[in-house]
């Protein structure tokens, strides 16, 4: 059975846990909405999505092969003869713009991943706190049950003592042992 000191310590512990739980729950809303993307962010995502597909690779390979075959076929009268300087310029232009777009998209994606990890951590902490609260409730229920059982045992002990005292004079003052 718990004495008053144990009860006060338990209440202090529960109060500190409640304060900690409230502080964490009030810290930040886990389900924050993602901000709307700017035009540049949407464009960077679109470029990354298109360039990172097999469809783009296949189409670009076909176009490059057609460009080179057409220029080789026409020989000296071609619009971009053999060293394919114009093709090189176009591919350099494409690389100059797609690389930064891909980097912007990856940076934004890593920011989103970091936020997702932070939210997952907060959800886990909140779940841990809820489990802790359930443990506290179970402990209180066990304590109440134990206290009720202790009171029942004490009551039964008192009744047995009273019965044994009542039977003691009947037995002639001998040993008052209740029958089994």
C-alpha atoms as a PDB file:
ATOM      1  CA  UNK A   1       0.000   0.000   0.000  1.00  0.00           C
ATOM      2  CA  UNK A   2       1.344   3.449  -0.903  1.00  0.00           C
ATOM      3  CA  UNK A   3       1.881   6.077   1.733  1.00  0.00           C
ATOM      4  CA  UNK A   4       1.419   9.829   1.311  1.00  0.00           C
ATOM      5  CA  UNK A   5       5.056  10.401   0.313  1.00  0.00           C
ATOM      6  CA  UNK A   6       4.754   7.831  -2.482  1.00  0.00           C
ATOM      7  CA  UNK A   7       1.498   9.427  -3.644  1.00  0.00           C
ATOM      8  CA  UNK A   8       3.042  12.910  -3.722  1.00  0.00           C
ATOM      9  CA  UNK A   9       6.078  11.633  -5.663  1.00  0.00           C
ATOM     10  CA  UNK A  10       3.795   9.861  -8.124  1.00  0.00           C
ATOM     11  CA  UNK A  11       1.721  13.015  -8.598  1.00  0.00           C
ATOM     12  CA  UNK A  12       4.872  15.101  -9.185  1.00  0.00           C
ATOM     13  CA  UNK A  13       6.106  12.570 -11.734  1.00  0.00           C
ATOM     14  CA  UNK A  14       2.760  12.563 -13.514  1.00  0.00           C
ATOM     15  CA  UNK A  15       2.677  16.379 -13.536  1.00  0.00           C
ATOM     16  CA  UNK A  16       6.176  16.577 -15.036  1.00  0.00           C
ATOM     17  CA  UNK A  17       5.222  14.001 -17.688  1.00  0.00           C
ATOM     18  CA  UNK A  18       2.050  15.958 -18.523  1.00  0.00           C
ATOM     19  CA  UNK A  19       4.058  19.186 -18.830  1.00  0.00           C
ATOM     20  CA  UNK A  20       6.622  17.476 -21.070  1.00  0.00           C
ATOM     21  CA  UNK A  21       3.874  15.955 -23.213  1.00  0.00           C
ATOM     22  CA  UNK A  22       2.077  19.302 -23.584  1.00  0.00           C
ATOM     23  CA  UNK A  23       5.335  21.072 -24.440  1.00  0.00           C
ATOM     24  CA  UNK A  24       6.132  18.564 -27.194  1.00  0.00           C
ATOM     25  CA  UNK A  25       2.589  18.481 -28.559  1.00  0.00           C
ATOM     26  CA  UNK A  26       2.421  22.284 -28.654  1.00  0.00           C
ATOM     27  CA  UNK A  27       5.851  22.560 -30.312  1.00  0.00           C
ATOM     28  CA  UNK A  28       4.842  22.067 -33.926  1.00  0.00           C
ATOM     29  CA  UNK A  29       1.946  20.834 -35.953  1.00  0.00           C
ATOM     30  CA  UNK A  30       3.024  17.569 -37.546  1.00  0.00           C
ATOM     31  CA  UNK A  31       0.535  17.762 -40.393  1.00  0.00           C
ATOM     32  CA  UNK A  32       1.775  20.989 -41.929  1.00  0.00           C
ATOM     33  CA  UNK A  33       0.681  21.506 -45.477  1.00  0.00           C
ATOM     34  CA  UNK A  34       3.340  21.686 -48.140  1.00  0.00           C
ATOM     35  CA  UNK A  35       3.651  25.150 -49.643  1.00  0.00           C
ATOM     36  CA  UNK A  36       2.529  25.683 -53.217  1.00  0.00           C
ATOM     37  CA  UNK A  37       5.385  25.433 -55.692  1.00  0.00           C
ATOM     38  CA  UNK A  38       6.612  28.461 -57.578  1.00  0.00           C
ATOM     39  CA  UNK A  39       6.738  28.524 -61.362  1.00  0.00           C
ATOM     40  CA  UNK A  40      10.505  27.905 -61.315  1.00  0.00           C
ATOM     41  CA  UNK A  41      10.137  24.930 -58.996  1.00  0.00           C
ATOM     42  CA  UNK A  42       7.393  23.427 -61.145  1.00  0.00           C
ATOM     43  CA  UNK A  43       9.541  23.957 -64.265  1.00  0.00           C
ATOM     44  CA  UNK A  44      12.588  22.364 -62.610  1.00  0.00           C
ATOM     45  CA  UNK A  45      10.479  19.375 -61.557  1.00  0.00           C
ATOM     46  CA  UNK A  46       9.014  19.088 -65.058  1.00  0.00           C
ATOM     47  CA  UNK A  47      12.432  19.228 -66.744  1.00  0.00           C
ATOM     48  CA  UNK A  48      13.806  16.653 -64.302  1.00  0.00           C
ATOM     49  CA  UNK A  49      10.838  14.381 -64.828  1.00  0.00           C
ATOM     50  CA  UNK A  50      11.105  14.557 -68.624  1.00  0.00           C
ATOM     51  CA  UNK A  51      14.896  14.245 -68.845  1.00  0.00           C
ATOM     52  CA  UNK A  52      14.970  11.413 -66.332  1.00  0.00           C
ATOM     53  CA  UNK A  53      12.721   9.184 -68.424  1.00  0.00           C
ATOM     54  CA  UNK A  54      13.504   6.426 -70.911  1.00  0.00           C
ATOM     55  CA  UNK A  55      11.173   8.074 -73.373  1.00  0.00           C
ATOM     56  CA  UNK A  56      13.429  11.161 -73.479  1.00  0.00           C
ATOM     57  CA  UNK A  57      16.581   9.073 -73.866  1.00  0.00           C
ATOM     58  CA  UNK A  58      15.098   7.058 -76.729  1.00  0.00           C
ATOM     59  CA  UNK A  59      13.701  10.118 -78.550  1.00  0.00           C
ATOM     60  CA  UNK A  60      16.949  12.058 -78.116  1.00  0.00           C
ATOM     61  CA  UNK A  61      18.985   9.080 -79.364  1.00  0.00           C
ATOM     62  CA  UNK A  62      16.769   8.788 -82.452  1.00  0.00           C
ATOM     63  CA  UNK A  63      17.041  12.541 -83.139  1.00  0.00           C
ATOM     64  CA  UNK A  64      20.835  12.506 -82.713  1.00  0.00           C
ATOM     65  CA  UNK A  65      21.169   9.497 -85.024  1.00  0.00           C
ATOM     66  CA  UNK A  66      18.881  11.155 -87.614  1.00  0.00           C
ATOM     67  CA  UNK A  67      20.830  14.453 -87.350  1.00  0.00           C
ATOM     68  CA  UNK A  68      24.160  12.721 -87.912  1.00  0.00           C
ATOM     69  CA  UNK A  69      22.832  10.402 -90.657  1.00  0.00           C
ATOM     70  CA  UNK A  70      21.195  13.315 -92.494  1.00  0.00           C
ATOM     71  CA  UNK A  71      24.364  15.395 -92.378  1.00  0.00           C
ATOM     72  CA  UNK A  72      26.533  12.486 -93.500  1.00  0.00           C
ATOM     73  CA  UNK A  73      24.059  11.682 -96.307  1.00  0.00           C
ATOM     74  CA  UNK A  74      24.125  15.229 -97.726  1.00  0.00           C
ATOM     75  CA  UNK A  75      27.922  15.416 -97.450  1.00  0.00           C
ATOM     76  CA  UNK A  76      29.374  18.874 -98.234  1.00  0.00           C
ATOM     77  CA  UNK A  77      25.963  20.482 -98.771  1.00  0.00           C
ATOM     78  CA  UNK A  78      24.729  19.507 -95.273  1.00  0.00           C
ATOM     79  CA  UNK A  79      23.555  22.114 -92.760  1.00  0.00           C
ATOM     80  CA  UNK A  80      26.008  20.731 -90.121  1.00  0.00           C
ATOM     81  CA  UNK A  81      28.888  18.814 -91.763  1.00  0.00           C
ATOM     82  CA  UNK A  82      30.963  16.111 -90.088  1.00  0.00           C
ATOM     83  CA  UNK A  83      32.399  17.477 -86.868  1.00  0.00           C
ATOM     84  CA  UNK A  84      28.747  18.426 -86.133  1.00  0.00           C
ATOM     85  CA  UNK A  85      29.586  21.764 -84.506  1.00  0.00           C
ATOM     86  CA  UNK A  86      25.947  22.914 -84.452  1.00  0.00           C
ATOM     87  CA  UNK A  87      24.870  19.628 -82.826  1.00  0.00           C
ATOM     88  CA  UNK A  88      27.621  20.047 -80.247  1.00  0.00           C
ATOM     89  CA  UNK A  89      26.392  23.595 -79.559  1.00  0.00           C
ATOM     90  CA  UNK A  90      22.785  22.392 -79.121  1.00  0.00           C
ATOM     91  CA  UNK A  91      23.823  19.574 -76.762  1.00  0.00           C
ATOM     92  CA  UNK A  92      25.971  21.982 -74.733  1.00  0.00           C
ATOM     93  CA  UNK A  93      23.037  24.383 -74.536  1.00  0.00           C
ATOM     94  CA  UNK A  94      20.785  21.544 -73.360  1.00  0.00           C
ATOM     95  CA  UNK A  95      23.315  20.460 -70.711  1.00  0.00           C
ATOM     96  CA  UNK A  96      23.827  24.050 -69.520  1.00  0.00           C
ATOM     97  CA  UNK A  97      20.129  24.426 -68.708  1.00  0.00           C
ATOM     98  CA  UNK A  98      19.154  20.935 -67.634  1.00  0.00           C
ATOM     99  CA  UNK A  99      21.928  20.424 -65.073  1.00  0.00           C
ATOM    100  CA  UNK A 100      20.901  23.426 -62.909  1.00  0.00           C
ATOM    101  CA  UNK A 101      17.224  22.471 -63.256  1.00  0.00           C
ATOM    102  CA  UNK A 102      18.012  18.959 -62.058  1.00  0.00           C
ATOM    103  CA  UNK A 103      20.084  20.343 -59.165  1.00  0.00           C
ATOM    104  CA  UNK A 104      17.253  22.696 -58.124  1.00  0.00           C
ATOM    105  CA  UNK A 105      14.767  19.849 -58.206  1.00  0.00           C
ATOM    106  CA  UNK A 106      17.072  17.576 -56.202  1.00  0.00           C
ATOM    107  CA  UNK A 107      17.718  20.308 -53.628  1.00  0.00           C
ATOM    108  CA  UNK A 108      14.009  20.878 -53.188  1.00  0.00           C
ATOM    109  CA  UNK A 109      13.420  17.127 -52.990  1.00  0.00           C
ATOM    110  CA  UNK A 110      16.085  16.776 -50.292  1.00  0.00           C
ATOM    111  CA  UNK A 111      14.424  19.623 -48.349  1.00  0.00           C
ATOM    112  CA  UNK A 112      11.099  17.807 -48.616  1.00  0.00           C
ATOM    113  CA  UNK A 113      12.746  14.564 -47.489  1.00  0.00           C
ATOM    114  CA  UNK A 114      14.311  16.343 -44.501  1.00  0.00           C
ATOM    115  CA  UNK A 115      10.930  17.785 -43.519  1.00  0.00           C
ATOM    116  CA  UNK A 116       9.333  14.367 -43.935  1.00  0.00           C
ATOM    117  CA  UNK A 117      11.978  12.825 -41.660  1.00  0.00           C
ATOM    118  CA  UNK A 118      11.410  15.572 -39.074  1.00  0.00           C
ATOM    119  CA  UNK A 119       7.658  14.957 -39.213  1.00  0.00           C
ATOM    120  CA  UNK A 120       8.186  11.214 -38.861  1.00  0.00           C
ATOM    121  CA  UNK A 121      10.388  11.855 -35.827  1.00  0.00           C
ATOM    122  CA  UNK A 122       7.740  14.087 -34.265  1.00  0.00           C
ATOM    123  CA  UNK A 123       5.047  11.503 -34.932  1.00  0.00           C
ATOM    124  CA  UNK A 124       7.214   8.838 -33.309  1.00  0.00           C
ATOM    125  CA  UNK A 125       7.836  11.043 -30.268  1.00  0.00           C
ATOM    126  CA  UNK A 126       4.120  11.745 -29.947  1.00  0.00           C
ATOM    127  CA  UNK A 127       3.322   8.042 -30.275  1.00  0.00           C
ATOM    128  CA  UNK A 128       5.902   7.306 -27.601  1.00  0.00           C
ATOM    129  CA  UNK A 129       4.268   9.872 -25.332  1.00  0.00           C
ATOM    130  CA  UNK A 130       0.852   8.342 -25.936  1.00  0.00           C
ATOM    131  CA  UNK A 131       2.219   4.900 -25.071  1.00  0.00           C
ATOM    132  CA  UNK A 132       3.766   6.385 -21.946  1.00  0.00           C
ATOM    133  CA  UNK A 133       0.377   7.852 -21.033  1.00  0.00           C
ATOM    134  CA  UNK A 134      -1.251   4.451 -21.526  1.00  0.00           C
ATOM    135  CA  UNK A 135       1.384   2.899 -19.260  1.00  0.00           C
ATOM    136  CA  UNK A 136       0.598   5.500 -16.610  1.00  0.00           C
ATOM    137  CA  UNK A 137      -3.106   4.706 -16.881  1.00  0.00           C
ATOM    138  CA  UNK A 138      -2.397   0.989 -16.596  1.00  0.00           C
ATOM    139  CA  UNK A 139      -0.203   1.621 -13.556  1.00  0.00           C
ATOM    140  CA  UNK A 140      -2.979   3.644 -11.933  1.00  0.00           C
ATOM    141  CA  UNK A 141      -5.502   0.910 -12.697  1.00  0.00           C
ATOM    142  CA  UNK A 142      -3.171  -1.708 -11.218  1.00  0.00           C
ATOM    143  CA  UNK A 143      -2.616   0.484  -8.173  1.00  0.00           C
ATOM    144  CA  UNK A 144      -6.377   0.892  -7.647  1.00  0.00           C
ATOM    145  CA  UNK A 145      -6.927  -2.822  -8.121  1.00  0.00           C
ATOM    146  CA  UNK A 146      -4.121  -3.628  -5.688  1.00  0.00           C
ATOM    147  CA  UNK A 147      -5.540  -1.172  -3.185  1.00  0.00           C
ATOM    148  CA  UNK A 148      -9.023  -2.708  -3.539  1.00  0.00           C
ATOM    149  CA  UNK A 149      -7.586  -6.201  -3.100  1.00  0.00           C
ATOM    150  CA  UNK A 150      -5.605  -5.076  -0.052  1.00  0.00           C
ATOM    151  CA  UNK A 151      -8.742  -3.582   1.466  1.00  0.00           C
ATOM    152  CA  UNK A 152     -10.658  -6.798   0.708  1.00  0.00           C
ATOM    153  CA  UNK A 153      -7.922  -8.892   2.346  1.00  0.00           C
ATOM    154  CA  UNK A 154      -7.925  -6.577   5.374  1.00  0.00           C
ATOM    155  CA  UNK A 155     -11.723  -6.799   5.618  1.00  0.00           C
ATOM    156  CA  UNK A 156     -11.646 -10.596   5.336  1.00  0.00           C
ATOM    157  CA  UNK A 157      -8.878 -10.755   7.941  1.00  0.00           C
ATOM    158  CA  UNK A 158     -10.966  -8.657  10.321  1.00  0.00           C
ATOM    159  CA  UNK A 159     -13.995 -10.891   9.730  1.00  0.00           C
ATOM    160  CA  UNK A 160     -11.923 -14.008  10.326  1.00  0.00           C
ATOM    161  CA  UNK A 161     -10.514 -12.500  13.515  1.00  0.00           C
ATOM    162  CA  UNK A 162     -14.036 -11.620  14.658  1.00  0.00           C
ATOM    163  CA  UNK A 163     -15.278 -15.124  13.828  1.00  0.00           C
ATOM    164  CA  UNK A 164     -12.361 -16.729  15.621  1.00  0.00           C
ATOM    165  CA  UNK A 165     -13.028 -14.564  18.702  1.00  0.00           C
ATOM    166  CA  UNK A 166     -16.700 -15.570  18.603  1.00  0.00           C
ATOM    167  CA  UNK A 167     -15.808 -19.246  18.382  1.00  0.00           C
ATOM    168  CA  UNK A 168     -13.106 -19.051  21.043  1.00  0.00           C
ATOM    169  CA  UNK A 169     -15.633 -18.952  23.937  1.00  0.00           C
ATOM    170  CA  UNK A 170     -17.618 -21.777  22.274  1.00  0.00           C
ATOM    171  CA  UNK A 171     -14.525 -23.994  22.112  1.00  0.00           C
ATOM    172  CA  UNK A 172     -13.889 -23.531  25.792  1.00  0.00           C
ATOM    173  CA  UNK A 173     -11.144 -20.950  25.570  1.00  0.00           C
ATOM    174  CA  UNK A 174      -8.798 -23.207  23.621  1.00  0.00           C
ATOM    175  CA  UNK A 175      -6.802 -22.392  20.584  1.00  0.00           C
ATOM    176  CA  UNK A 176      -9.016 -20.452  18.207  1.00  0.00           C
ATOM    177  CA  UNK A 177      -8.130 -21.992  14.911  1.00  0.00           C
ATOM    178  CA  UNK A 178     -10.781 -21.724  12.252  1.00  0.00           C
ATOM    179  CA  UNK A 179     -11.763 -25.022  10.670  1.00  0.00           C
ATOM    180  CA  UNK A 180     -10.278 -25.756   7.283  1.00  0.00           C
END
